[in-house]
Amino acid sequence: MSEDLFSDITDTLFENKTVLSEEYQPDEIVEREDEIDAFRSALKDVLFGRNPSNVFIYGKTGVGKTAVTEYIVTALKTEVERRDDADELHVHFRNCNDDTVYRTVRALINSIRGADREPFPETGHSTAHALETLYEEMDANGGTYLFVLDEIDHLSDPNTLLYELPRARANGHLTAARVGVIGISNNYAFRSSLSPKVKDTLIEKEIAFSPYDADELRSILTTRAEKALIEDAWDESAIKLAAANAAKDTGSARQAIDLLREGGDVAEENGAGAITDDHIEVAVDRVQRGRVENKLRDQTMHGQLILEALAKLEVSGSTPAKSKQVQQAYVRVAEGRQQDPLTTLKSIQNHLADLTMLGFLERTEHNEGRAGGAHHQYELALDPTIVLETRDTIEAESM
């Protein structure tokens, strides 16, 4: 009977499983004391009613950039409310992935207006008009604004926004309000891609988040386990193994936490009373497959096709491969998937550079002297079998 399907599930190892979810915001951040101190120093002017500094945060996915940012601005808002010298603080978050400047500015306007007021139109106005409206909304409220722009390197034209916002008060667009930008990026080279006039305008504070090492991840996992799991529900060796695997792979706290959560699920499936090394080993394979699938789905179609081409080259023992070899394999894969391939080698090289930066590929430089010159060779940093299986799944879903 269907009503009895779950009746035998009576025990759980989890006290509060939300603590191991991506949505969880910890009350305290461990193993990021230096970054927190730097962030705290960069924003201290807000407490005295002065113009906030622009802050740019760099680091790979899962190293605490967003968590620390939310932690800092929450603490800053609390302190501002206690101080007479500080202006009212307004913090607005926006993820800029595949965003235009217009859509970003529109989202900020609507965030300021709230749900009770008419939203700014999706189309029909220029970016200049949208910016003018943003300034009007800010000045109408007054106070200090911090715009937190996550994945700012994926904005279609970051130069426009990063030139306009920091200069808004100096150019007379704002009189009652102040503004600062907090940019979050996975791309360490993002600043070098900005125009010289933007670099001069920003005068930003930069904070780099390095990958966590195994000891730091072990500390993070222990803190989470104590809140998420019931007493004696894990072996210390399992925590150590999950931390070591994540440190060796990406240095990501998100990956380490995913391993612990998945390890708990495996332990429960097996009726175990505690998470052991064996459960973590199974979790490693599950999490890797899920992570590869999620990352692949986030890429453009051509990015996916290039990864599929490299996976096939790797399976056939043809990697590391030059960009020209990758292009030839990519064309075959694209045509096999009924897609029109990109036609220039430069466009393939741009995708290869992006995929390397995102951690999908490993790139090595080779110099063959006068005969061949310097060139790069590429190979997957992922399991090629998982890449190919995931691509087949994605294609099957699109039919």
Protein backbone atom coordinates (compact mmCIF):
# COMPACT_ATOMS: atom_id res chain seq x y z
CA MET A 1 0.00 0.00 0.00
CA SER A 2 1.32 3.47 -0.91
CA GLU A 3 0.46 4.86 2.53
CA ASP A 4 3.02 2.47 4.06
CA LEU A 5 5.82 3.40 1.66
CA PHE A 6 7.71 5.57 4.17
CA SER A 7 6.49 4.00 7.41
CA ASP A 8 9.77 2.14 8.05
CA ILE A 9 11.87 5.34 8.03
CA THR A 10 12.10 6.24 11.71
CA ASP A 11 15.73 7.16 12.40
CA THR A 12 17.97 9.90 11.03
CA LEU A 13 21.57 10.98 11.53
CA PHE A 14 20.68 14.61 10.89
CA GLU A 15 19.73 17.01 13.67
CA ASN A 16 19.47 20.00 11.29
CA LYS A 17 20.23 19.11 7.67
CA THR A 18 19.75 22.74 6.56
CA VAL A 19 23.19 23.48 8.05
CA LEU A 20 24.68 21.43 5.19
CA SER A 21 22.67 23.19 2.46
CA GLU A 22 23.85 25.95 0.15
CA GLU A 23 21.21 28.34 1.50
CA TYR A 24 22.57 28.18 5.06
CA GLN A 25 24.20 31.37 6.32
CA PRO A 26 26.45 30.56 9.31
CA ASP A 27 26.41 32.75 12.41
CA GLU A 28 30.20 32.75 12.36
CA ILE A 29 32.70 32.28 9.55
CA VAL A 30 35.68 30.08 10.33
CA GLU A 31 39.05 29.99 8.56
CA ARG A 32 38.56 33.39 6.86
CA GLU A 33 39.78 35.72 9.62
CA ASP A 34 42.29 37.62 7.42
CA GLU A 35 39.74 38.21 4.66
CA ILE A 36 37.14 39.38 7.18
CA ASP A 37 39.62 41.84 8.69
CA ALA A 38 40.46 43.22 5.23
CA PHE A 39 36.76 43.53 4.34
CA ARG A 40 35.99 45.19 7.67
CA SER A 41 38.74 47.75 7.11
CA ALA A 42 37.57 48.47 3.55
CA LEU A 43 34.02 49.34 4.65
CA LYS A 44 34.74 51.21 7.88
CA ASP A 45 34.11 54.64 6.31
CA VAL A 46 30.39 53.79 6.16
CA LEU A 47 30.27 54.04 9.96
CA PHE A 48 31.26 57.73 9.80
CA GLY A 49 28.92 58.84 7.01
CA ARG A 50 31.71 58.92 4.45
CA ASN A 51 31.78 57.57 0.90
CA PRO A 52 32.25 53.79 0.98
CA SER A 53 35.21 52.19 -0.74
CA ASN A 54 34.62 49.99 -3.76
CA VAL A 55 35.60 46.42 -2.89
CA PHE A 56 36.41 43.60 -5.30
CA ILE A 57 36.46 40.00 -4.12
CA TYR A 58 38.27 37.33 -6.13
CA GLY A 59 38.44 33.57 -5.73
CA LYS A 60 37.21 30.23 -7.06
CA THR A 61 33.70 28.95 -6.48
CA GLY A 62 33.06 27.66 -2.95
CA VAL A 63 35.86 29.49 -1.13
CA GLY A 64 33.57 31.71 0.95
CA LYS A 65 33.35 34.92 -1.10
CA THR A 66 29.58 35.32 -0.98
CA ALA A 67 29.22 33.93 2.55
CA VAL A 68 31.80 36.37 3.92
CA THR A 69 30.22 39.26 2.00
CA GLU A 70 26.77 38.52 3.46
CA TYR A 71 28.31 38.10 6.91
CA ILE A 72 30.14 41.43 6.68
CA VAL A 73 27.25 43.53 5.34
CA THR A 74 24.88 42.06 7.93
CA ALA A 75 27.27 43.04 10.72
CA LEU A 76 27.80 46.46 9.12
CA LYS A 77 24.05 47.16 8.95
CA THR A 78 23.69 46.22 12.62
CA GLU A 79 26.51 48.57 13.64
CA VAL A 80 25.21 51.42 11.45
CA GLU A 81 21.87 51.29 13.29
CA ARG A 82 23.72 51.88 16.58
CA ARG A 83 25.62 54.95 15.41
CA ASP A 84 24.41 58.52 15.10
CA ASP A 85 27.15 59.56 12.65
CA ALA A 86 26.33 56.82 10.13
CA ASP A 87 23.79 57.35 7.35
CA GLU A 88 21.09 54.74 6.78
CA LEU A 89 22.60 51.78 4.93
CA HIS A 90 20.89 50.13 1.96
CA VAL A 91 22.39 46.91 0.61
CA HIS A 92 21.19 45.41 -2.68
CA PHE A 93 22.45 42.14 -4.20
CA ARG A 94 22.43 41.25 -7.91
CA ASN A 95 23.87 38.23 -9.74
CA CYS A 96 25.17 39.53 -13.08
CA ASN A 97 25.55 36.21 -14.87
CA ASP A 98 24.62 36.76 -18.55
CA ASP A 99 23.20 40.16 -17.61
CA THR A 100 23.20 43.40 -19.60
CA VAL A 101 23.88 46.72 -17.88
CA TYR A 102 20.25 47.71 -18.48
CA ARG A 103 18.88 44.57 -16.79
CA THR A 104 21.24 45.01 -13.85
CA VAL A 105 20.29 48.66 -13.35
CA ARG A 106 16.60 47.77 -13.76
CA ALA A 107 16.93 45.08 -11.07
CA LEU A 108 18.57 47.57 -8.69
CA ILE A 109 15.80 50.11 -9.30
CA ASN A 110 13.13 47.51 -8.61
CA SER A 111 14.96 46.31 -5.51
CA ILE A 112 14.92 49.87 -4.14
CA ARG A 113 11.27 50.40 -5.09
CA GLY A 114 10.10 47.15 -3.54
CA ALA A 115 7.09 45.04 -4.44
CA ASP A 116 4.52 47.75 -3.66
CA ARG A 117 5.59 50.10 -6.47
CA GLU A 118 5.45 49.81 -10.24
CA PRO A 119 8.51 48.01 -11.63
CA PHE A 120 10.82 49.72 -14.09
CA PRO A 121 10.04 48.59 -17.68
CA GLU A 122 11.92 45.64 -19.17
CA THR A 123 12.29 47.45 -22.50
CA GLY A 124 11.65 50.81 -24.10
CA HIS A 125 14.26 52.93 -22.35
CA SER A 126 17.97 53.54 -22.79
CA THR A 127 20.63 52.51 -20.29
CA ALA A 128 21.27 56.21 -19.65
CA HIS A 129 17.62 56.72 -18.67
CA ALA A 130 17.72 53.64 -16.44
CA LEU A 131 20.80 55.02 -14.65
CA GLU A 132 19.12 58.41 -14.25
CA THR A 133 16.10 56.70 -12.69
CA LEU A 134 18.38 54.71 -10.36
CA TYR A 135 20.01 57.92 -9.13
CA GLU A 136 16.60 59.52 -8.57
CA GLU A 137 15.45 56.55 -6.48
CA MET A 138 18.65 56.61 -4.43
CA ASP A 139 18.51 60.35 -3.77
CA ALA A 140 14.83 60.16 -2.84
CA ASN A 141 15.74 57.83 0.04
CA GLY A 142 19.18 59.21 0.84
CA GLY A 143 21.73 57.27 2.87
CA THR A 144 24.54 54.98 1.76
CA TYR A 145 24.05 52.31 -0.90
CA LEU A 146 26.17 49.22 -1.32
CA PHE A 147 25.50 47.34 -4.54
CA VAL A 148 26.82 43.78 -4.30
CA LEU A 149 27.32 42.51 -7.86
CA ASP A 150 28.06 38.79 -7.90
CA GLU A 151 29.71 37.26 -11.00
CA ILE A 152 30.39 40.79 -12.20
CA ASP A 153 32.85 39.45 -14.78
CA HIS A 154 29.85 37.94 -16.61
CA LEU A 155 28.19 41.34 -17.08
CA SER A 156 27.93 42.20 -20.79
CA ASP A 157 29.63 45.60 -20.39
CA PRO A 158 31.09 46.03 -16.91
CA ASN A 159 33.04 49.12 -18.01
CA THR A 160 29.86 51.19 -18.33
CA LEU A 161 28.49 50.35 -14.89
CA LEU A 162 31.84 50.53 -13.11
CA TYR A 163 32.55 53.91 -14.64
CA GLU A 164 29.12 55.42 -13.89
CA LEU A 165 28.37 54.31 -10.33
CA PRO A 166 31.60 55.33 -8.53
CA ARG A 167 31.50 58.77 -10.23
CA ALA A 168 27.77 59.41 -9.69
CA ARG A 169 28.22 61.73 -6.71
CA ALA A 170 31.22 63.58 -8.16
CA ASN A 171 29.30 64.14 -11.41
CA GLY A 172 26.30 65.60 -9.57
CA HIS A 173 23.94 62.69 -10.23
CA LEU A 174 23.68 62.08 -6.47
CA THR A 175 23.49 64.68 -3.72
CA ALA A 176 21.65 63.01 -0.83
CA ALA A 177 22.99 59.49 -1.36
CA ARG A 178 26.39 57.80 -1.44
CA VAL A 179 27.27 54.62 -3.32
CA GLY A 180 29.86 51.87 -3.23
CA VAL A 181 30.24 48.75 -5.37
CA ILE A 182 31.18 45.32 -4.05
CA GLY A 183 32.13 43.16 -7.02
CA ILE A 184 32.50 39.38 -6.68
CA SER A 185 34.32 37.42 -9.37
CA ASN A 186 35.84 34.00 -10.01
CA ASN A 187 38.20 35.59 -12.53
CA TYR A 188 41.44 36.91 -11.03
CA ALA A 189 42.24 38.64 -14.34
CA PHE A 190 38.94 40.56 -14.42
CA ARG A 191 40.46 43.89 -13.41
CA SER A 192 43.01 43.74 -16.23
CA SER A 193 40.14 43.49 -18.73
CA LEU A 194 38.67 46.84 -17.64
CA SER A 195 39.39 50.07 -19.51
CA PRO A 196 42.09 52.39 -18.10
CA LYS A 197 39.55 55.11 -17.21
CA VAL A 198 37.49 52.60 -15.21
CA LYS A 199 40.55 51.40 -13.31
CA ASP A 200 41.37 55.01 -12.43
CA THR A 201 37.77 55.65 -11.31
CA LEU A 202 37.35 52.57 -9.14
CA ILE A 203 40.31 52.93 -6.77
CA GLU A 204 38.98 49.75 -5.23
CA LYS A 205 40.14 47.52 -2.39
CA GLU A 206 40.95 44.01 -3.61
CA ILE A 207 40.56 40.91 -1.45
CA ALA A 208 41.66 37.52 -2.79
CA PHE A 209 40.19 34.31 -1.38
CA SER A 210 42.59 31.41 -1.81
CA PRO A 211 41.33 27.80 -1.94
CA TYR A 212 40.99 26.11 1.47
CA ASP A 213 43.57 23.53 2.47
CA ALA A 214 42.69 20.20 4.10
CA ASP A 215 43.13 21.45 7.67
CA GLU A 216 40.90 24.47 7.07
CA LEU A 217 38.22 22.30 5.47
CA ARG A 218 38.43 19.86 8.37
CA SER A 219 37.77 22.74 10.76
CA ILE A 220 34.80 23.93 8.68
CA LEU A 221 33.32 20.43 8.44
CA THR A 222 33.68 19.81 12.17
CA THR A 223 31.84 23.05 12.91
CA ARG A 224 29.03 22.12 10.51
CA ALA A 225 28.84 18.49 11.69
CA GLU A 226 28.35 19.58 15.30
CA LYS A 227 25.28 21.60 14.26
CA ALA A 228 23.90 19.37 11.51
CA LEU A 229 24.30 15.84 12.88
CA ILE A 230 23.19 14.06 16.03
CA GLU A 231 25.79 13.17 18.65
CA ASP A 232 28.34 10.51 17.64
CA ALA A 233 26.96 10.37 14.08
CA TRP A 234 30.33 10.66 12.35
CA ASP A 235 33.85 9.26 12.54
CA GLU A 236 36.66 11.80 12.72
CA SER A 237 38.41 9.90 9.92
CA ALA A 238 35.36 10.47 7.69
CA ILE A 239 35.57 14.22 8.29
CA LYS A 240 39.28 14.10 7.50
CA LEU A 241 38.69 12.11 4.31
CA ALA A 242 35.98 14.47 3.04
CA ALA A 243 38.24 17.46 3.73
CA ALA A 244 41.22 15.84 2.01
CA ASN A 245 39.19 14.99 -1.10
CA ALA A 246 37.79 18.50 -1.45
CA ALA A 247 41.19 20.10 -0.81
CA LYS A 248 42.85 17.93 -3.44
CA ASP A 249 40.14 18.67 -6.00
CA THR A 250 38.97 22.29 -5.73
CA GLY A 251 39.72 23.63 -2.25
CA SER A 252 36.00 24.39 -2.03
CA ALA A 253 34.09 24.39 1.25
CA ARG A 254 30.90 23.83 -0.74
CA GLN A 255 32.29 20.58 -2.13
CA ALA A 256 33.49 19.41 1.29
CA ILE A 257 30.09 20.15 2.85
CA ASP A 258 28.34 18.36 -0.03
CA LEU A 259 30.51 15.31 0.64
CA LEU A 260 29.55 15.30 4.31
CA ARG A 261 25.85 15.66 3.55
CA GLU A 262 25.94 12.97 0.86
CA GLY A 263 27.98 10.75 3.17
CA GLY A 264 25.19 11.09 5.74
CA ASP A 265 22.61 10.06 3.14
CA VAL A 266 24.70 7.02 2.17
CA ALA A 267 25.06 6.04 5.83
CA GLU A 268 21.31 6.27 6.35
CA GLU A 269 20.63 4.21 3.23
CA ASN A 270 22.85 1.51 4.67
CA GLY A 271 21.28 1.66 8.13
CA ALA A 272 24.55 2.78 9.72
CA GLY A 273 24.73 4.65 13.00
CA ALA A 274 27.58 6.92 11.93
CA ILE A 275 29.26 8.26 8.78
CA THR A 276 32.43 6.30 8.00
CA ASP A 277 35.19 6.45 5.40
CA ASP A 278 33.30 3.96 3.23
CA HIS A 279 30.29 6.26 3.08
CA ILE A 280 32.46 9.22 2.10
CA GLU A 281 34.05 7.16 -0.69
CA VAL A 282 30.61 6.53 -2.20
CA ALA A 283 29.72 10.19 -1.69
CA VAL A 284 32.82 11.30 -3.60
CA ASP A 285 31.60 9.61 -6.78
CA ARG A 286 28.04 10.89 -6.38
CA VAL A 287 29.07 14.48 -5.67
CA GLN A 288 31.58 14.52 -8.51
CA ARG A 289 28.93 13.42 -10.98
CA GLY A 290 26.44 15.95 -9.70
CA ARG A 291 29.01 18.76 -9.69
CA VAL A 292 30.14 18.04 -13.25
CA GLU A 293 26.55 17.94 -14.46
CA ASN A 294 25.67 21.25 -12.79
CA LYS A 295 28.79 22.98 -14.08
CA LEU A 296 28.28 21.65 -17.59
CA ARG A 297 24.68 22.82 -17.69
CA ASP A 298 25.83 26.34 -16.76
CA GLN A 299 28.04 26.60 -19.86
CA THR A 300 27.02 27.86 -23.27
CA MET A 301 26.24 25.28 -25.95
CA HIS A 302 29.61 25.83 -27.62
CA GLY A 303 31.41 25.58 -24.30
CA GLN A 304 29.72 22.23 -23.73
CA LEU A 305 30.62 21.02 -27.21
CA ILE A 306 34.28 21.93 -26.69
CA LEU A 307 34.31 20.01 -23.40
CA GLU A 308 32.70 17.03 -25.13
CA ALA A 309 35.35 17.21 -27.86
CA LEU A 310 38.15 17.24 -25.29
CA ALA A 311 36.54 14.33 -23.43
CA LYS A 312 36.56 12.28 -26.65
CA LEU A 313 40.17 13.25 -27.32
CA GLU A 314 41.09 12.18 -23.80
CA VAL A 315 39.30 8.82 -24.09
CA SER A 316 41.22 8.14 -27.31
CA GLY A 317 44.53 9.07 -25.68
CA SER A 318 44.98 12.23 -27.77
CA THR A 319 45.51 14.74 -24.97
CA PRO A 320 47.14 17.10 -24.15
CA ALA A 321 45.97 18.67 -27.41
CA LYS A 322 46.74 21.91 -29.23
CA SER A 323 43.89 24.33 -29.85
CA LYS A 324 43.88 23.39 -33.55
CA GLN A 325 43.34 19.72 -32.64
CA VAL A 326 40.58 20.73 -30.24
CA GLN A 327 38.95 22.80 -32.98
CA GLN A 328 38.93 19.83 -35.39
CA ALA A 329 37.39 17.55 -32.75
CA TYR A 330 34.90 20.26 -31.79
CA VAL A 331 33.70 20.67 -35.38
CA ARG A 332 33.06 16.91 -35.60
CA VAL A 333 31.14 16.92 -32.32
CA ALA A 334 29.10 20.03 -33.24
CA GLU A 335 28.10 18.59 -36.60
CA GLY A 336 27.23 15.30 -34.94
CA ARG A 337 24.92 17.17 -32.56
CA GLN A 338 23.35 19.11 -35.46
CA GLN A 339 24.86 22.40 -34.29
CA ASP A 340 26.57 25.02 -36.48
CA PRO A 341 30.20 25.16 -35.26
CA LEU A 342 32.11 28.34 -34.57
CA THR A 343 34.24 29.09 -37.60
CA THR A 344 37.40 30.74 -36.27
CA LEU A 345 40.27 29.32 -34.24
CA LYS A 346 40.33 32.52 -32.18
CA SER A 347 36.78 31.91 -30.93
CA ILE A 348 37.79 28.37 -29.89
CA GLN A 349 40.86 29.73 -28.08
CA ASN A 350 38.68 32.25 -26.22
CA HIS A 351 36.41 29.42 -25.04
CA LEU A 352 39.43 27.35 -24.03
CA ALA A 353 40.78 30.26 -21.97
CA ASP A 354 37.41 30.70 -20.22
CA LEU A 355 37.04 26.97 -19.52
CA THR A 356 40.58 26.87 -18.11
CA MET A 357 39.83 29.80 -15.82
CA LEU A 358 36.67 28.05 -14.60
CA GLY A 359 38.64 24.92 -13.71
CA PHE A 360 37.34 22.60 -16.44
CA LEU A 361 40.70 22.34 -18.22
CA GLU A 362 44.39 22.18 -17.44
CA ARG A 363 46.63 24.20 -19.73
CA THR A 364 50.37 23.78 -20.24
CA GLU A 365 52.70 25.93 -22.31
CA HIS A 366 55.13 24.32 -24.74
CA ASN A 367 57.94 25.95 -26.68
CA GLU A 368 59.29 24.15 -29.72
CA GLY A 369 61.83 26.85 -30.49
CA ARG A 370 62.21 28.25 -33.96
CA ALA A 371 60.55 25.23 -35.52
CA GLY A 372 57.18 25.50 -33.82
CA GLY A 373 57.21 28.47 -31.46
CA ALA A 374 55.28 28.68 -28.21
CA HIS A 375 51.79 27.22 -27.89
CA HIS A 376 49.35 25.91 -25.29
CA GLN A 377 48.08 22.38 -24.90
CA TYR A 378 44.85 21.43 -23.13
CA GLU A 379 43.41 18.46 -21.27
CA LEU A 380 40.34 17.89 -19.12
CA ALA A 381 40.51 18.45 -15.37
CA LEU A 382 37.36 16.29 -15.08
CA ASP A 383 36.51 12.64 -15.56
CA PRO A 384 35.88 12.34 -19.35
CA THR A 385 33.37 9.51 -18.87
CA ILE A 386 31.19 11.71 -16.65
CA VAL A 387 31.43 14.57 -19.17
CA LEU A 388 30.31 12.33 -22.03
CA GLU A 389 27.49 10.75 -20.02
CA THR A 390 26.26 14.17 -18.92
CA ARG A 391 26.35 15.53 -22.46
CA ASP A 392 24.29 12.57 -23.68
CA THR A 393 21.76 13.25 -20.91
CA ILE A 394 21.51 16.94 -21.80
CA GLU A 395 21.05 16.15 -25.49
CA ALA A 396 18.39 13.54 -24.73
CA GLU A 397 16.45 16.08 -22.65
CA SER A 398 16.45 18.59 -25.51
CA MET A 399 14.81 16.17 -27.98
